[in-house]
Amino acid sequence: MVPEAYAYRLPPGLGDADAAPLLCAGIVGYRALKRAELPPGGRLGIYGFGASAHVVMQVAIAQGAVVHVLTRSAAARTLALELGAASAGPADGAPPEPLDAAVLFAPAGELVPVAMRALDQGGTLAVAGIHLSDVPRLVYADELFREKQLRSVTANTRADGEEFLRLAAALDIRPTVSPQLLADADRVLADLAADRIVGAAVLVC
């Protein structure tokens, strides 16, 4: 048994493997989306397109956002377009229009200046990862001026989780899942690092 204070009510109709990415990946990603302060109907950039990003993008699009995905994986770019992204390009590329908000899911500090330059005036970049490589020097005039914001995401609250899971049910969010055997966890981690898994890898006992 799990104490009620540490459990969430999951959306109906999802098996264990399909529900798993909604928890850690989905809730943390949703927190990052909130920290990015995307306005209604706004233009969102997503940098990196793994477990969190592909779930959060579905939420943003269902709420009326235009989403541009920038990621190094060609297979992930294909998935992004299939899920409704307006465009999908390389991680260090530029979106086709200025962004109102962006979320950096890739743990690559060198993408922070890239994403900041893509923001329109007053835009916000939320860095979603717990780990991030060093961020290069920012050029104030190009990357911070005109009231742009750079924010980190440390954790999430229970309210974030409950709100996200209600939304996931209402919007019928469906993760793209690659079930993997628990015994193969080391290989799966290597595959994730090498972009050989698209969507969310789920370890199955």
N, C-alpha and C. Protein backbone atom coordinates (compact mmCIF):
# COMPACT_ATOMS: atom_id res chain seq x y z
N MET A 1 0.84 -1.19 0.00
CA MET A 1 0.00 0.00 0.00
C MET A 1 0.88 1.25 0.00
N VAL A 2 0.41 2.28 -0.70
CA VAL A 2 1.10 3.58 -0.73
C VAL A 2 0.27 4.59 0.05
N PRO A 3 0.89 5.35 0.97
CA PRO A 3 0.12 6.38 1.68
C PRO A 3 -0.51 7.36 0.69
N GLU A 4 -1.74 7.76 0.96
CA GLU A 4 -2.48 8.62 0.04
C GLU A 4 -1.73 9.92 -0.24
N ALA A 5 -1.00 10.44 0.75
CA ALA A 5 -0.29 11.71 0.59
C ALA A 5 0.83 11.62 -0.44
N TYR A 6 1.24 10.39 -0.80
CA TYR A 6 2.34 10.21 -1.74
C TYR A 6 1.88 9.54 -3.04
N ALA A 7 0.59 9.53 -3.29
CA ALA A 7 0.06 8.87 -4.48
C ALA A 7 -0.79 9.83 -5.29
N TYR A 8 -0.88 9.57 -6.58
CA TYR A 8 -1.73 10.35 -7.47
C TYR A 8 -2.80 9.45 -8.06
N ARG A 9 -3.95 10.04 -8.34
CA ARG A 9 -4.99 9.33 -9.08
C ARG A 9 -4.65 9.45 -10.56
N LEU A 10 -4.46 8.32 -11.22
CA LEU A 10 -4.03 8.32 -12.62
C LEU A 10 -5.22 8.45 -13.56
N PRO A 11 -5.00 9.04 -14.74
CA PRO A 11 -6.09 9.11 -15.72
C PRO A 11 -6.59 7.71 -16.06
N PRO A 12 -7.88 7.54 -16.25
CA PRO A 12 -8.42 6.21 -16.58
C PRO A 12 -8.02 5.79 -17.99
N GLY A 13 -7.99 4.47 -18.20
CA GLY A 13 -7.78 3.94 -19.53
C GLY A 13 -6.34 3.82 -19.96
N LEU A 14 -5.39 4.04 -19.05
CA LEU A 14 -3.98 3.91 -19.37
C LEU A 14 -3.38 2.71 -18.65
N GLY A 15 -2.61 1.90 -19.38
CA GLY A 15 -1.86 0.84 -18.74
C GLY A 15 -0.68 1.41 -17.97
N ASP A 16 -0.01 0.55 -17.21
CA ASP A 16 1.10 1.00 -16.38
C ASP A 16 2.19 1.67 -17.21
N ALA A 17 2.58 1.06 -18.34
CA ALA A 17 3.66 1.60 -19.15
C ALA A 17 3.28 2.94 -19.77
N ASP A 18 2.01 3.11 -20.13
CA ASP A 18 1.57 4.38 -20.72
C ASP A 18 1.42 5.46 -19.66
N ALA A 19 1.09 5.07 -18.43
CA ALA A 19 0.91 6.06 -17.37
C ALA A 19 2.24 6.53 -16.79
N ALA A 20 3.26 5.67 -16.82
CA ALA A 20 4.53 5.99 -16.17
C ALA A 20 5.13 7.33 -16.62
N PRO A 21 5.17 7.64 -17.93
CA PRO A 21 5.79 8.91 -18.34
C PRO A 21 5.02 10.15 -17.88
N LEU A 22 3.76 9.98 -17.50
CA LEU A 22 3.00 11.13 -17.02
C LEU A 22 3.45 11.56 -15.63
N LEU A 23 4.10 10.68 -14.92
CA LEU A 23 4.45 10.97 -13.53
C LEU A 23 5.70 11.85 -13.47
N CYS A 24 6.88 11.29 -13.34
CA CYS A 24 8.07 12.13 -13.23
C CYS A 24 8.24 13.02 -14.45
N ALA A 25 8.33 12.44 -15.62
CA ALA A 25 8.59 13.22 -16.83
C ALA A 25 7.47 14.23 -17.10
N GLY A 26 6.25 13.78 -17.01
CA GLY A 26 5.13 14.66 -17.31
C GLY A 26 4.96 15.80 -16.32
N ILE A 27 5.04 15.47 -15.03
CA ILE A 27 4.82 16.49 -14.00
C ILE A 27 5.94 17.52 -13.99
N VAL A 28 7.19 17.06 -14.07
CA VAL A 28 8.32 18.00 -14.10
C VAL A 28 8.25 18.87 -15.36
N GLY A 29 7.92 18.25 -16.49
CA GLY A 29 7.78 19.01 -17.72
C GLY A 29 6.67 20.05 -17.64
N TYR A 30 5.58 19.68 -17.00
CA TYR A 30 4.47 20.62 -16.85
C TYR A 30 4.87 21.79 -15.96
N ARG A 31 5.61 21.51 -14.90
CA ARG A 31 6.13 22.58 -14.04
C ARG A 31 7.00 23.54 -14.86
N ALA A 32 7.85 22.99 -15.73
CA ALA A 32 8.70 23.83 -16.58
C ALA A 32 7.85 24.68 -17.51
N LEU A 33 6.80 24.11 -18.07
CA LEU A 33 5.91 24.87 -18.94
C LEU A 33 5.28 26.04 -18.19
N LYS A 34 4.87 25.80 -16.95
CA LYS A 34 4.30 26.87 -16.14
C LYS A 34 5.34 27.95 -15.86
N ARG A 35 6.57 27.56 -15.57
CA ARG A 35 7.64 28.52 -15.28
C ARG A 35 7.98 29.36 -16.52
N ALA A 36 7.72 28.83 -17.71
CA ALA A 36 8.01 29.55 -18.94
C ALA A 36 6.99 30.65 -19.23
N GLU A 37 5.88 30.64 -18.51
CA GLU A 37 4.85 31.69 -18.63
C GLU A 37 4.39 31.91 -20.08
N LEU A 38 4.07 30.83 -20.74
CA LEU A 38 3.56 30.90 -22.10
C LEU A 38 2.19 31.58 -22.10
N PRO A 39 2.03 32.66 -22.87
CA PRO A 39 0.71 33.30 -22.90
C PRO A 39 -0.29 32.48 -23.71
N PRO A 40 -1.58 32.69 -23.51
CA PRO A 40 -2.59 31.95 -24.27
C PRO A 40 -2.38 32.14 -25.77
N GLY A 41 -2.37 31.03 -26.52
CA GLY A 41 -2.16 31.09 -27.95
C GLY A 41 -0.76 31.48 -28.37
N GLY A 42 0.19 31.39 -27.44
CA GLY A 42 1.55 31.86 -27.69
C GLY A 42 2.39 30.91 -28.51
N ARG A 43 3.62 31.37 -28.80
CA ARG A 43 4.59 30.62 -29.60
C ARG A 43 5.63 30.03 -28.64
N LEU A 44 5.68 28.72 -28.59
CA LEU A 44 6.54 28.01 -27.65
C LEU A 44 7.66 27.29 -28.39
N GLY A 45 8.88 27.43 -27.90
CA GLY A 45 9.99 26.64 -28.40
C GLY A 45 10.35 25.55 -27.41
N ILE A 46 10.57 24.35 -27.90
CA ILE A 46 11.00 23.23 -27.06
C ILE A 46 12.34 22.74 -27.57
N TYR A 47 13.33 22.77 -26.68
CA TYR A 47 14.69 22.36 -27.03
C TYR A 47 14.97 21.01 -26.37
N GLY A 48 15.22 20.00 -27.20
CA GLY A 48 15.28 18.62 -26.72
C GLY A 48 13.88 18.03 -26.79
N PHE A 49 13.79 16.74 -27.16
CA PHE A 49 12.45 16.18 -27.35
C PHE A 49 12.40 14.74 -26.89
N GLY A 50 12.54 14.56 -25.57
CA GLY A 50 12.47 13.23 -24.97
C GLY A 50 11.16 13.02 -24.24
N ALA A 51 11.24 12.31 -23.11
CA ALA A 51 10.04 11.89 -22.38
C ALA A 51 9.20 13.08 -21.92
N SER A 52 9.81 14.06 -21.26
CA SER A 52 9.05 15.22 -20.79
C SER A 52 8.52 16.05 -21.95
N ALA A 53 9.40 16.36 -22.88
CA ALA A 53 9.06 17.31 -23.93
C ALA A 53 7.90 16.84 -24.80
N HIS A 54 7.87 15.56 -25.15
CA HIS A 54 6.82 15.12 -26.08
C HIS A 54 5.46 15.06 -25.41
N VAL A 55 5.45 14.95 -24.08
CA VAL A 55 4.19 15.02 -23.34
C VAL A 55 3.74 16.47 -23.20
N VAL A 56 4.67 17.34 -22.79
CA VAL A 56 4.34 18.74 -22.57
C VAL A 56 3.89 19.42 -23.87
N MET A 57 4.50 19.05 -24.99
CA MET A 57 4.10 19.64 -26.25
C MET A 57 2.62 19.36 -26.54
N GLN A 58 2.17 18.16 -26.24
CA GLN A 58 0.76 17.82 -26.48
C GLN A 58 -0.17 18.70 -25.65
N VAL A 59 0.24 18.98 -24.41
CA VAL A 59 -0.55 19.86 -23.55
C VAL A 59 -0.61 21.27 -24.14
N ALA A 60 0.55 21.78 -24.53
CA ALA A 60 0.61 23.14 -25.06
C ALA A 60 -0.23 23.29 -26.32
N ILE A 61 -0.12 22.33 -27.24
CA ILE A 61 -0.88 22.41 -28.48
C ILE A 61 -2.38 22.31 -28.19
N ALA A 62 -2.76 21.42 -27.30
CA ALA A 62 -4.19 21.27 -26.96
C ALA A 62 -4.75 22.54 -26.35
N GLN A 63 -3.89 23.35 -25.73
CA GLN A 63 -4.34 24.61 -25.13
C GLN A 63 -4.19 25.79 -26.09
N GLY A 64 -3.85 25.52 -27.35
CA GLY A 64 -3.85 26.57 -28.35
C GLY A 64 -2.52 27.16 -28.73
N ALA A 65 -1.42 26.62 -28.21
CA ALA A 65 -0.10 27.15 -28.53
C ALA A 65 0.38 26.69 -29.89
N VAL A 66 1.27 27.47 -30.49
CA VAL A 66 2.04 27.06 -31.67
C VAL A 66 3.40 26.62 -31.15
N VAL A 67 3.80 25.40 -31.48
CA VAL A 67 5.02 24.84 -30.89
C VAL A 67 6.05 24.56 -31.98
N HIS A 68 7.27 25.01 -31.70
CA HIS A 68 8.42 24.74 -32.57
C HIS A 68 9.41 23.89 -31.77
N VAL A 69 9.81 22.75 -32.32
CA VAL A 69 10.72 21.83 -31.63
C VAL A 69 12.11 21.93 -32.26
N LEU A 70 13.12 21.98 -31.41
CA LEU A 70 14.51 22.03 -31.86
C LEU A 70 15.28 20.96 -31.11
N THR A 71 15.76 19.96 -31.84
CA THR A 71 16.41 18.82 -31.20
C THR A 71 17.39 18.17 -32.17
N ARG A 72 18.42 17.53 -31.63
CA ARG A 72 19.45 16.96 -32.49
C ARG A 72 19.01 15.66 -33.17
N SER A 73 18.00 14.99 -32.64
CA SER A 73 17.58 13.69 -33.16
C SER A 73 16.60 13.84 -34.32
N ALA A 74 16.96 13.28 -35.47
CA ALA A 74 16.06 13.32 -36.63
C ALA A 74 14.78 12.55 -36.35
N ALA A 75 14.89 11.42 -35.64
CA ALA A 75 13.69 10.63 -35.33
C ALA A 75 12.76 11.40 -34.39
N ALA A 76 13.34 12.14 -33.45
CA ALA A 76 12.52 12.94 -32.54
C ALA A 76 11.85 14.09 -33.29
N ARG A 77 12.53 14.67 -34.27
CA ARG A 77 11.90 15.72 -35.07
C ARG A 77 10.71 15.17 -35.84
N THR A 78 10.85 13.96 -36.35
CA THR A 78 9.73 13.32 -37.05
C THR A 78 8.55 13.12 -36.12
N LEU A 79 8.81 12.61 -34.90
CA LEU A 79 7.74 12.42 -33.92
C LEU A 79 7.07 13.75 -33.58
N ALA A 80 7.87 14.79 -33.41
CA ALA A 80 7.32 16.10 -33.07
C ALA A 80 6.32 16.57 -34.13
N LEU A 81 6.67 16.41 -35.38
CA LEU A 81 5.77 16.81 -36.46
C LEU A 81 4.52 15.94 -36.48
N GLU A 82 4.68 14.65 -36.21
CA GLU A 82 3.53 13.76 -36.16
C GLU A 82 2.57 14.15 -35.03
N LEU A 83 3.11 14.68 -33.94
CA LEU A 83 2.30 15.07 -32.78
C LEU A 83 1.75 16.48 -32.90
N GLY A 84 2.07 17.17 -34.00
CA GLY A 84 1.44 18.46 -34.23
C GLY A 84 2.33 19.69 -34.13
N ALA A 85 3.65 19.51 -34.01
CA ALA A 85 4.53 20.68 -33.98
C ALA A 85 4.41 21.46 -35.28
N ALA A 86 4.50 22.78 -35.18
CA ALA A 86 4.44 23.63 -36.37
C ALA A 86 5.72 23.52 -37.18
N SER A 87 6.84 23.25 -36.50
CA SER A 87 8.11 23.04 -37.18
C SER A 87 9.01 22.21 -36.28
N ALA A 88 10.03 21.62 -36.87
CA ALA A 88 11.01 20.83 -36.11
C ALA A 88 12.34 20.97 -36.81
N GLY A 89 13.35 21.45 -36.08
CA GLY A 89 14.66 21.67 -36.67
C GLY A 89 15.76 21.24 -35.73
N PRO A 90 17.01 21.42 -36.13
CA PRO A 90 18.14 21.02 -35.28
C PRO A 90 18.21 21.86 -34.01
N ALA A 91 18.81 21.29 -32.97
CA ALA A 91 18.83 21.93 -31.66
C ALA A 91 19.46 23.31 -31.68
N ASP A 92 20.49 23.49 -32.48
CA ASP A 92 21.19 24.77 -32.51
C ASP A 92 20.67 25.69 -33.61
N GLY A 93 19.55 25.32 -34.22
CA GLY A 93 18.96 26.14 -35.27
C GLY A 93 18.06 27.21 -34.70
N ALA A 94 17.41 27.93 -35.57
CA ALA A 94 16.49 29.00 -35.17
C ALA A 94 15.07 28.64 -35.58
N PRO A 95 14.09 28.91 -34.73
CA PRO A 95 12.70 28.66 -35.12
C PRO A 95 12.29 29.65 -36.20
N PRO A 96 11.22 29.36 -36.92
CA PRO A 96 10.81 30.23 -38.03
C PRO A 96 10.18 31.55 -37.60
N GLU A 97 9.94 31.73 -36.32
CA GLU A 97 9.37 32.98 -35.81
C GLU A 97 9.85 33.20 -34.39
N PRO A 98 9.82 34.44 -33.89
CA PRO A 98 10.22 34.69 -32.50
C PRO A 98 9.31 33.95 -31.53
N LEU A 99 9.85 33.58 -30.38
CA LEU A 99 9.12 32.78 -29.41
C LEU A 99 8.65 33.64 -28.23
N ASP A 100 7.45 33.36 -27.75
CA ASP A 100 6.98 34.00 -26.52
C ASP A 100 7.56 33.32 -25.29
N ALA A 101 7.86 32.04 -25.42
CA ALA A 101 8.40 31.26 -24.30
C ALA A 101 9.14 30.06 -24.86
N ALA A 102 10.03 29.53 -24.06
CA ALA A 102 10.76 28.33 -24.46
C ALA A 102 11.08 27.49 -23.23
N VAL A 103 11.20 26.20 -23.45
CA VAL A 103 11.63 25.28 -22.40
C VAL A 103 12.82 24.49 -22.92
N LEU A 104 13.89 24.49 -22.15
CA LEU A 104 15.09 23.73 -22.50
C LEU A 104 15.07 22.42 -21.72
N PHE A 105 14.82 21.32 -22.42
CA PHE A 105 14.84 20.00 -21.80
C PHE A 105 16.19 19.33 -21.98
N ALA A 106 16.91 19.63 -23.03
CA ALA A 106 18.22 19.04 -23.26
C ALA A 106 19.19 19.55 -22.17
N PRO A 107 20.03 18.68 -21.62
CA PRO A 107 20.96 19.11 -20.55
C PRO A 107 22.20 19.78 -21.11
N ALA A 108 22.02 20.66 -22.06
CA ALA A 108 23.12 21.26 -22.82
C ALA A 108 23.15 22.76 -22.60
N GLY A 109 24.06 23.21 -21.74
CA GLY A 109 24.14 24.62 -21.42
C GLY A 109 24.41 25.50 -22.62
N GLU A 110 25.08 24.95 -23.64
CA GLU A 110 25.39 25.76 -24.83
C GLU A 110 24.13 26.17 -25.60
N LEU A 111 22.99 25.53 -25.30
CA LEU A 111 21.74 25.91 -25.96
C LEU A 111 21.03 27.07 -25.27
N VAL A 112 21.48 27.46 -24.08
CA VAL A 112 20.83 28.58 -23.39
C VAL A 112 20.93 29.86 -24.20
N PRO A 113 22.12 30.28 -24.66
CA PRO A 113 22.17 31.49 -25.50
C PRO A 113 21.36 31.34 -26.79
N VAL A 114 21.38 30.15 -27.37
CA VAL A 114 20.62 29.91 -28.61
C VAL A 114 19.14 30.16 -28.36
N ALA A 115 18.61 29.60 -27.28
CA ALA A 115 17.19 29.76 -26.97
C ALA A 115 16.86 31.20 -26.57
N MET A 116 17.76 31.85 -25.85
CA MET A 116 17.51 33.24 -25.45
C MET A 116 17.44 34.15 -26.66
N ARG A 117 18.27 33.90 -27.66
CA ARG A 117 18.23 34.71 -28.88
C ARG A 117 16.93 34.50 -29.65
N ALA A 118 16.34 33.32 -29.51
CA ALA A 118 15.10 33.02 -30.23
C ALA A 118 13.87 33.66 -29.60
N LEU A 119 13.99 34.14 -28.36
CA LEU A 119 12.85 34.73 -27.67
C LEU A 119 12.51 36.11 -28.22
N ASP A 120 11.23 36.39 -28.29
CA ASP A 120 10.77 37.74 -28.57
C ASP A 120 10.95 38.58 -27.30
N GLN A 121 10.79 39.89 -27.41
CA GLN A 121 10.94 40.74 -26.22
C GLN A 121 9.94 40.32 -25.14
N GLY A 122 10.41 40.30 -23.90
CA GLY A 122 9.58 39.88 -22.79
C GLY A 122 9.40 38.38 -22.66
N GLY A 123 10.07 37.59 -23.51
CA GLY A 123 9.92 36.14 -23.46
C GLY A 123 10.69 35.51 -22.31
N THR A 124 10.34 34.27 -21.99
CA THR A 124 10.95 33.56 -20.86
C THR A 124 11.45 32.19 -21.32
N LEU A 125 12.67 31.87 -20.91
CA LEU A 125 13.23 30.54 -21.09
C LEU A 125 13.27 29.84 -19.74
N ALA A 126 12.64 28.67 -19.65
CA ALA A 126 12.71 27.84 -18.45
C ALA A 126 13.63 26.66 -18.73
N VAL A 127 14.63 26.47 -17.88
CA VAL A 127 15.56 25.35 -18.00
C VAL A 127 15.04 24.23 -17.12
N ALA A 128 14.62 23.12 -17.75
CA ALA A 128 13.87 22.09 -17.03
C ALA A 128 14.75 21.05 -16.35
N GLY A 129 15.99 20.90 -16.79
CA GLY A 129 16.78 19.78 -16.30
C GLY A 129 17.35 19.99 -14.91
N ILE A 130 17.49 18.89 -14.17
CA ILE A 130 18.19 18.93 -12.89
C ILE A 130 19.68 19.12 -13.13
N HIS A 131 20.17 18.50 -14.20
CA HIS A 131 21.58 18.65 -14.59
C HIS A 131 21.66 19.47 -15.86
N LEU A 132 22.65 20.36 -15.93
CA LEU A 132 22.90 21.16 -17.13
C LEU A 132 24.39 21.40 -17.23
N SER A 133 24.95 21.20 -18.41
CA SER A 133 26.36 21.54 -18.60
C SER A 133 26.53 23.05 -18.50
N ASP A 134 27.76 23.51 -18.40
CA ASP A 134 28.01 24.94 -18.18
C ASP A 134 27.41 25.80 -19.27
N VAL A 135 26.87 26.94 -18.86
CA VAL A 135 26.27 27.89 -19.78
C VAL A 135 27.36 28.86 -20.24
N PRO A 136 27.52 29.05 -21.56
CA PRO A 136 28.51 30.02 -22.04
C PRO A 136 28.15 31.44 -21.64
N ARG A 137 29.10 32.35 -21.82
CA ARG A 137 28.87 33.76 -21.54
C ARG A 137 27.71 34.27 -22.38
N LEU A 138 26.80 35.00 -21.75
CA LEU A 138 25.68 35.59 -22.46
C LEU A 138 26.03 37.01 -22.90
N VAL A 139 25.60 37.36 -24.08
CA VAL A 139 25.77 38.71 -24.60
C VAL A 139 24.50 39.50 -24.27
N TYR A 140 24.63 40.47 -23.40
CA TYR A 140 23.46 41.17 -22.87
C TYR A 140 22.54 41.71 -23.96
N ALA A 141 23.12 42.41 -24.94
CA ALA A 141 22.30 43.06 -25.96
C ALA A 141 21.54 42.05 -26.81
N ASP A 142 22.13 40.90 -27.04
CA ASP A 142 21.52 39.90 -27.94
C ASP A 142 20.62 38.90 -27.21
N GLU A 143 20.92 38.63 -25.94
CA GLU A 143 20.30 37.48 -25.28
C GLU A 143 19.52 37.80 -24.01
N LEU A 144 19.66 39.00 -23.46
CA LEU A 144 18.93 39.33 -22.23
C LEU A 144 18.16 40.64 -22.31
N PHE A 145 18.58 41.53 -23.18
CA PHE A 145 17.93 42.83 -23.26
C PHE A 145 16.47 42.68 -23.67
N ARG A 146 15.70 43.74 -23.48
CA ARG A 146 14.26 43.77 -23.78
C ARG A 146 13.47 42.84 -22.87
N GLU A 147 13.90 42.80 -21.61
CA GLU A 147 13.16 42.15 -20.51
C GLU A 147 12.92 40.66 -20.72
N LYS A 148 13.88 40.00 -21.37
CA LYS A 148 13.83 38.54 -21.43
C LYS A 148 14.17 37.97 -20.06
N GLN A 149 13.62 36.78 -19.77
CA GLN A 149 13.85 36.13 -18.49
C GLN A 149 14.45 34.74 -18.69
N LEU A 150 15.36 34.38 -17.79
CA LEU A 150 15.95 33.04 -17.76
C LEU A 150 15.65 32.45 -16.39
N ARG A 151 14.95 31.30 -16.37
CA ARG A 151 14.50 30.73 -15.10
C ARG A 151 14.88 29.26 -15.04
N SER A 152 15.16 28.79 -13.83
CA SER A 152 15.42 27.36 -13.62
C SER A 152 14.18 26.69 -13.05
N VAL A 153 14.18 25.36 -13.13
CA VAL A 153 13.09 24.56 -12.56
C VAL A 153 13.74 23.55 -11.62
N THR A 154 13.49 23.70 -10.33
CA THR A 154 14.15 22.85 -9.35
C THR A 154 13.36 21.59 -9.05
N ALA A 155 12.06 21.73 -8.89
CA ALA A 155 11.24 20.58 -8.48
C ALA A 155 9.81 20.85 -8.89
N ASN A 156 8.90 20.11 -8.31
CA ASN A 156 7.48 20.34 -8.58
C ASN A 156 6.71 20.17 -7.29
N THR A 157 5.49 20.64 -7.27
CA THR A 157 4.65 20.53 -6.09
C THR A 157 3.56 19.48 -6.32
N ARG A 158 2.94 19.07 -5.25
CA ARG A 158 1.82 18.13 -5.40
C ARG A 158 0.70 18.76 -6.22
N ALA A 159 0.49 20.05 -6.03
CA ALA A 159 -0.55 20.74 -6.81
C ALA A 159 -0.23 20.69 -8.30
N ASP A 160 1.07 20.82 -8.66
CA ASP A 160 1.45 20.68 -10.07
C ASP A 160 1.04 19.32 -10.60
N GLY A 161 1.34 18.26 -9.82
CA GLY A 161 1.03 16.91 -10.26
C GLY A 161 -0.46 16.69 -10.43
N GLU A 162 -1.24 17.13 -9.47
CA GLU A 162 -2.68 16.94 -9.55
C GLU A 162 -3.27 17.72 -10.72
N GLU A 163 -2.80 18.95 -10.91
CA GLU A 163 -3.29 19.77 -12.02
C GLU A 163 -2.93 19.15 -13.36
N PHE A 164 -1.67 18.71 -13.48
CA PHE A 164 -1.23 18.11 -14.74
C PHE A 164 -2.00 16.84 -15.07
N LEU A 165 -2.19 15.97 -14.10
CA LEU A 165 -2.88 14.70 -14.37
C LEU A 165 -4.35 14.92 -14.71
N ARG A 166 -4.98 15.93 -14.11
CA ARG A 166 -6.35 16.28 -14.52
C ARG A 166 -6.36 16.75 -15.98
N LEU A 167 -5.38 17.59 -16.34
CA LEU A 167 -5.28 18.06 -17.72
C LEU A 167 -5.02 16.91 -18.68
N ALA A 168 -4.10 16.01 -18.29
CA ALA A 168 -3.75 14.88 -19.15
C ALA A 168 -4.99 14.04 -19.46
N ALA A 169 -5.84 13.87 -18.45
CA ALA A 169 -7.08 13.10 -18.67
C ALA A 169 -8.05 13.87 -19.56
N ALA A 170 -8.22 15.16 -19.26
CA ALA A 170 -9.18 15.97 -20.02
C ALA A 170 -8.75 16.14 -21.47
N LEU A 171 -7.44 16.25 -21.70
CA LEU A 171 -6.93 16.49 -23.05
C LEU A 171 -6.55 15.20 -23.77
N ASP A 172 -6.71 14.06 -23.10
CA ASP A 172 -6.39 12.75 -23.67
C ASP A 172 -4.94 12.68 -24.14
N ILE A 173 -4.01 13.07 -23.26
CA ILE A 173 -2.59 13.05 -23.58
C ILE A 173 -2.11 11.60 -23.61
N ARG A 174 -1.42 11.23 -24.69
CA ARG A 174 -0.96 9.85 -24.87
C ARG A 174 0.55 9.85 -25.13
N PRO A 175 1.34 9.40 -24.16
CA PRO A 175 2.78 9.33 -24.39
C PRO A 175 3.15 8.30 -25.45
N THR A 176 4.24 8.55 -26.14
CA THR A 176 4.85 7.56 -27.03
C THR A 176 5.83 6.77 -26.19
N VAL A 177 5.60 5.47 -26.05
CA VAL A 177 6.31 4.67 -25.06
C VAL A 177 7.11 3.55 -25.74
N SER A 178 8.33 3.35 -25.24
CA SER A 178 9.15 2.22 -25.67
C SER A 178 9.43 1.35 -24.44
N PRO A 179 8.61 0.29 -24.21
CA PRO A 179 8.83 -0.57 -23.03
C PRO A 179 10.15 -1.33 -23.16
N GLN A 180 10.91 -1.40 -22.07
CA GLN A 180 12.21 -2.07 -22.03
C GLN A 180 12.29 -2.92 -20.77
N LEU A 181 13.00 -4.03 -20.86
CA LEU A 181 13.16 -4.90 -19.69
C LEU A 181 14.06 -4.25 -18.64
N LEU A 182 13.67 -4.38 -17.38
CA LEU A 182 14.46 -3.83 -16.28
C LEU A 182 15.89 -4.36 -16.32
N ALA A 183 16.06 -5.61 -16.70
CA ALA A 183 17.39 -6.21 -16.77
C ALA A 183 18.30 -5.50 -17.78
N ASP A 184 17.70 -4.78 -18.71
CA ASP A 184 18.47 -4.09 -19.76
C ASP A 184 18.66 -2.62 -19.44
N ALA A 185 18.52 -2.21 -18.18
CA ALA A 185 18.53 -0.80 -17.82
C ALA A 185 19.81 -0.08 -18.25
N ASP A 186 20.97 -0.74 -18.11
CA ASP A 186 22.23 -0.09 -18.50
C ASP A 186 22.24 0.22 -20.00
N ARG A 187 21.78 -0.73 -20.79
CA ARG A 187 21.73 -0.51 -22.24
C ARG A 187 20.73 0.59 -22.58
N VAL A 188 19.60 0.60 -21.89
CA VAL A 188 18.57 1.61 -22.15
C VAL A 188 19.11 3.01 -21.88
N LEU A 189 19.86 3.17 -20.79
CA LEU A 189 20.45 4.48 -20.48
C LEU A 189 21.40 4.91 -21.59
N ALA A 190 22.19 3.97 -22.09
CA ALA A 190 23.10 4.28 -23.19
C ALA A 190 22.32 4.65 -24.45
N ASP A 191 21.23 3.94 -24.71
CA ASP A 191 20.40 4.23 -25.88
C ASP A 191 19.77 5.61 -25.77
N LEU A 192 19.33 5.98 -24.58
CA LEU A 192 18.76 7.32 -24.39
C LEU A 192 19.79 8.40 -24.66
N ALA A 193 21.00 8.19 -24.15
CA ALA A 193 22.06 9.18 -24.35
C ALA A 193 22.44 9.33 -25.81
N ALA A 194 22.28 8.24 -26.58
CA ALA A 194 22.64 8.25 -28.00
C ALA A 194 21.46 8.52 -28.92
N ASP A 195 20.32 8.93 -28.36
CA ASP A 195 19.12 9.24 -29.15
C ASP A 195 18.60 8.05 -29.94
N ARG A 196 18.76 6.86 -29.37
CA ARG A 196 18.25 5.67 -30.06
C ARG A 196 16.84 5.30 -29.60
N ILE A 197 16.27 6.06 -28.67
CA ILE A 197 14.90 5.83 -28.21
C ILE A 197 14.12 7.12 -28.43
N VAL A 198 12.96 7.00 -29.02
CA VAL A 198 12.11 8.15 -29.28
C VAL A 198 10.94 8.11 -28.30
N GLY A 199 10.62 9.27 -27.73
CA GLY A 199 9.54 9.32 -26.75
C GLY A 199 10.07 8.98 -25.39
N ALA A 200 9.38 8.09 -24.68
CA ALA A 200 9.74 7.73 -23.31
C ALA A 200 10.10 6.25 -23.23
N ALA A 201 11.25 5.95 -22.66
CA ALA A 201 11.59 4.57 -22.34
C ALA A 201 11.00 4.22 -20.98
N VAL A 202 10.36 3.09 -20.89
CA VAL A 202 9.76 2.65 -19.63
C VAL A 202 10.31 1.27 -19.29
N LEU A 203 10.91 1.15 -18.11
CA LEU A 203 11.43 -0.15 -17.67
C LEU A 203 10.29 -0.99 -17.11
N VAL A 204 10.19 -2.21 -17.60
CA VAL A 204 9.11 -3.12 -17.21
C VAL A 204 9.71 -4.29 -16.44
N CYS A 205 9.17 -4.55 -15.26
CA CYS A 205 9.65 -5.66 -14.44
C CYS A 205 9.18 -7.00 -15.02
